[in-house]
Amino acid sequence: QVQLVESGGGLVQPGGSLRLSCTASGFTFSTYAMSWYRQAPGKERELVAAINQAFITNYADSVKGRFTISRDNVQNTVYLQMNNLKPEDTAVYYCRAFVFRSYWGQGTQVTVSS
């Protein structure tokens, strides 16, 4: 079965950095696009970044130039490097894979606060 396990969240001051990881299992990782979403309290879940099988990436306008998505097809892991974090980046971050249907990780909390 498909499993996605995120890690790397935490508390960071504005301007700081974090790297999130999502390790996948149960499917042929290299042949599927992967994405990161986030959900802040009281808001809908939104797409943050995505990377396809050809390593082509796209980003939400709010994170362009600050966040970088990457993938390691040997480790079956997708990463989200987040730099210059802002308080408005505070949210639960989720990894997503679409393997005939959507699969989500358990989420990891990112809190940006002084």
C-alpha atoms as a PDB file:
ATOM      1  CA  GLN A   1       0.000   0.000   0.000  1.00  0.00           C
ATOM      2  CA  VAL A   2       1.031   3.574  -0.625  1.00  0.00           C
ATOM      3  CA  GLN A   3       2.600   5.281   2.359  1.00  0.00           C
ATOM      4  CA  LEU A   4       3.985   8.790   2.696  1.00  0.00           C
ATOM      5  CA  VAL A   5       5.908   9.814   5.795  1.00  0.00           C
ATOM      6  CA  GLU A   6       6.850  13.462   6.311  1.00  0.00           C
ATOM      7  CA  SER A   7       9.468  14.863   8.650  1.00  0.00           C
ATOM      8  CA  GLY A   8      11.412  18.042   9.254  1.00  0.00           C
ATOM      9  CA  GLY A   9       8.853  20.496  10.561  1.00  0.00           C
ATOM     10  CA  GLY A  10       9.350  22.654  13.618  1.00  0.00           C
ATOM     11  CA  LEU A  11       9.506  26.133  15.058  1.00  0.00           C
ATOM     12  CA  VAL A  12      11.693  28.676  13.305  1.00  0.00           C
ATOM     13  CA  GLN A  13      12.137  32.427  13.491  1.00  0.00           C
ATOM     14  CA  PRO A  14      11.196  34.677  10.572  1.00  0.00           C
ATOM     15  CA  GLY A  15      13.950  34.606   7.977  1.00  0.00           C
ATOM     16  CA  GLY A  16      15.000  31.110   8.979  1.00  0.00           C
ATOM     17  CA  SER A  17      15.083  27.877   7.006  1.00  0.00           C
ATOM     18  CA  LEU A  18      13.703  24.372   7.248  1.00  0.00           C
ATOM     19  CA  ARG A  19      13.888  21.312   5.035  1.00  0.00           C
ATOM     20  CA  LEU A  20      10.939  18.956   4.884  1.00  0.00           C
ATOM     21  CA  SER A  21      11.271  15.357   3.732  1.00  0.00           C
ATOM     22  CA  CYS A  22       8.651  12.912   2.523  1.00  0.00           C
ATOM     23  CA  THR A  23       9.645   9.278   2.098  1.00  0.00           C
ATOM     24  CA  ALA A  24       7.350   7.181  -0.066  1.00  0.00           C
ATOM     25  CA  SER A  25       6.714   3.459  -0.363  1.00  0.00           C
ATOM     26  CA  GLY A  26       4.265   1.103  -2.020  1.00  0.00           C
ATOM     27  CA  PHE A  27       4.570   2.410  -5.572  1.00  0.00           C
ATOM     28  CA  THR A  28       7.195   3.094  -8.242  1.00  0.00           C
ATOM     29  CA  PHE A  29       8.226   6.488  -6.945  1.00  0.00           C
ATOM     30  CA  SER A  30      10.234   7.604  -9.982  1.00  0.00           C
ATOM     31  CA  THR A  31       7.241   7.357 -12.308  1.00  0.00           C
ATOM     32  CA  TYR A  32       4.910   9.677 -10.403  1.00  0.00           C
ATOM     33  CA  ALA A  33       4.748  13.374  -9.784  1.00  0.00           C
ATOM     34  CA  MET A  34       4.959  14.462  -6.170  1.00  0.00           C
ATOM     35  CA  SER A  35       3.750  17.604  -4.477  1.00  0.00           C
ATOM     36  CA  TRP A  36       3.653  19.529  -1.223  1.00  0.00           C
ATOM     37  CA  TYR A  37       0.542  21.207   0.117  1.00  0.00           C
ATOM     38  CA  ARG A  38      -0.092  23.224   3.245  1.00  0.00           C
ATOM     39  CA  GLN A  39      -3.070  24.097   5.365  1.00  0.00           C
ATOM     40  CA  ALA A  40      -3.148  26.987   7.778  1.00  0.00           C
ATOM     41  CA  PRO A  41      -5.772  27.208  10.558  1.00  0.00           C
ATOM     42  CA  GLY A  42      -9.128  28.242   9.146  1.00  0.00           C
ATOM     43  CA  LYS A  43      -7.914  28.077   5.555  1.00  0.00           C
ATOM     44  CA  GLU A  44      -8.219  25.585   2.719  1.00  0.00           C
ATOM     45  CA  ARG A  45      -5.382  23.273   1.812  1.00  0.00           C
ATOM     46  CA  GLU A  46      -3.278  24.824  -0.950  1.00  0.00           C
ATOM     47  CA  LEU A  47      -0.620  23.623  -3.353  1.00  0.00           C
ATOM     48  CA  VAL A  48       2.861  24.842  -2.449  1.00  0.00           C
ATOM     49  CA  ALA A  49       5.102  23.073  -4.969  1.00  0.00           C
ATOM     50  CA  ALA A  50       5.153  20.101  -7.313  1.00  0.00           C
ATOM     51  CA  ILE A  51       7.751  18.117  -9.215  1.00  0.00           C
ATOM     52  CA  ASN A  52       7.028  15.692 -12.015  1.00  0.00           C
ATOM     53  CA  GLN A  53       8.818  12.609 -13.301  1.00  0.00           C
ATOM     54  CA  ALA A  54      11.017  14.778 -15.530  1.00  0.00           C
ATOM     55  CA  PHE A  55      12.032  16.922 -12.545  1.00  0.00           C
ATOM     56  CA  ILE A  56      10.020  19.859 -13.850  1.00  0.00           C
ATOM     57  CA  THR A  57       8.833  21.998 -10.967  1.00  0.00           C
ATOM     58  CA  ASN A  58       6.146  24.542 -10.294  1.00  0.00           C
ATOM     59  CA  TYR A  59       5.450  26.734  -7.294  1.00  0.00           C
ATOM     60  CA  ALA A  60       2.751  28.824  -5.729  1.00  0.00           C
ATOM     61  CA  ASP A  61       3.418  32.504  -6.315  1.00  0.00           C
ATOM     62  CA  SER A  62       3.682  33.075  -2.572  1.00  0.00           C
ATOM     63  CA  VAL A  63       6.741  30.832  -2.252  1.00  0.00           C
ATOM     64  CA  LYS A  64       8.568  31.404  -5.552  1.00  0.00           C
ATOM     65  CA  GLY A  65      12.196  32.289  -4.980  1.00  0.00           C
ATOM     66  CA  ARG A  66      12.100  31.073  -1.369  1.00  0.00           C
ATOM     67  CA  PHE A  67      11.128  27.388  -1.557  1.00  0.00           C
ATOM     68  CA  THR A  68      12.717  24.626  -3.626  1.00  0.00           C
ATOM     69  CA  ILE A  69      11.209  21.212  -4.266  1.00  0.00           C
ATOM     70  CA  SER A  70      13.472  18.329  -5.232  1.00  0.00           C
ATOM     71  CA  ARG A  71      13.357  14.555  -5.388  1.00  0.00           C
ATOM     72  CA  ASP A  72      15.721  11.626  -4.915  1.00  0.00           C
ATOM     73  CA  ASN A  73      14.494   8.613  -6.865  1.00  0.00           C
ATOM     74  CA  VAL A  74      17.016   6.322  -5.163  1.00  0.00           C
ATOM     75  CA  GLN A  75      15.844   7.250  -1.665  1.00  0.00           C
ATOM     76  CA  ASN A  76      12.180   7.534  -2.786  1.00  0.00           C
ATOM     77  CA  THR A  77      12.089  10.901  -1.100  1.00  0.00           C
ATOM     78  CA  VAL A  78      10.804  14.341  -2.031  1.00  0.00           C
ATOM     79  CA  TYR A  79      12.140  17.411  -0.267  1.00  0.00           C
ATOM     80  CA  LEU A  80      10.959  20.945   0.312  1.00  0.00           C
ATOM     81  CA  GLN A  81      13.722  23.397   1.152  1.00  0.00           C
ATOM     82  CA  MET A  82      12.157  26.488   2.689  1.00  0.00           C
ATOM     83  CA  ASN A  83      14.248  29.637   3.055  1.00  0.00           C
ATOM     84  CA  ASN A  84      13.438  33.138   4.252  1.00  0.00           C
ATOM     85  CA  LEU A  85      10.419  31.824   6.089  1.00  0.00           C
ATOM     86  CA  LYS A  86       7.631  34.233   6.983  1.00  0.00           C
ATOM     87  CA  PRO A  87       4.921  34.029   9.660  1.00  0.00           C
ATOM     88  CA  GLU A  88       2.359  33.488   6.898  1.00  0.00           C
ATOM     89  CA  ASP A  89       4.140  30.232   6.012  1.00  0.00           C
ATOM     90  CA  THR A  90       2.905  28.769   9.307  1.00  0.00           C
ATOM     91  CA  ALA A  91       0.814  25.712   8.466  1.00  0.00           C
ATOM     92  CA  VAL A  92       0.683  21.946   8.474  1.00  0.00           C
ATOM     93  CA  TYR A  93       2.583  20.751   5.414  1.00  0.00           C
ATOM     94  CA  TYR A  94       1.473  17.610   3.593  1.00  0.00           C
ATOM     95  CA  CYS A  95       3.110  15.449   0.979  1.00  0.00           C
ATOM     96  CA  ARG A  96       0.832  14.158  -1.789  1.00  0.00           C
ATOM     97  CA  ALA A  97       1.080  11.461  -4.428  1.00  0.00           C
ATOM     98  CA  PHE A  98      -1.588  10.695  -7.012  1.00  0.00           C
ATOM     99  CA  VAL A  99      -1.407   6.947  -7.677  1.00  0.00           C
ATOM    100  CA  PHE A 100      -4.843   6.253  -9.237  1.00  0.00           C
ATOM    101  CA  ARG A 101      -6.129   8.408  -6.381  1.00  0.00           C
ATOM    102  CA  SER A 102      -4.708  10.932  -3.936  1.00  0.00           C
ATOM    103  CA  TYR A 103      -2.578   9.737  -1.074  1.00  0.00           C
ATOM    104  CA  TRP A 104      -1.511  12.068   1.714  1.00  0.00           C
ATOM    105  CA  GLY A 105       1.070  11.925   4.430  1.00  0.00           C
ATOM    106  CA  GLN A 106       0.227  12.610   8.056  1.00  0.00           C
ATOM    107  CA  GLY A 107       1.448  16.191   7.878  1.00  0.00           C
ATOM    108  CA  THR A 108       4.214  18.067   9.649  1.00  0.00           C
ATOM    109  CA  GLN A 109       3.742  21.338  11.511  1.00  0.00           C
ATOM    110  CA  VAL A 110       5.772  24.370  10.491  1.00  0.00           C
ATOM    111  CA  THR A 111       5.555  27.384  12.776  1.00  0.00           C
ATOM    112  CA  VAL A 112       7.294  30.641  11.916  1.00  0.00           C
ATOM    113  CA  SER A 113       7.360  32.956  14.890  1.00  0.00           C
ATOM    114  CA  SER A 114       9.702  35.161  16.873  1.00  0.00           C
END
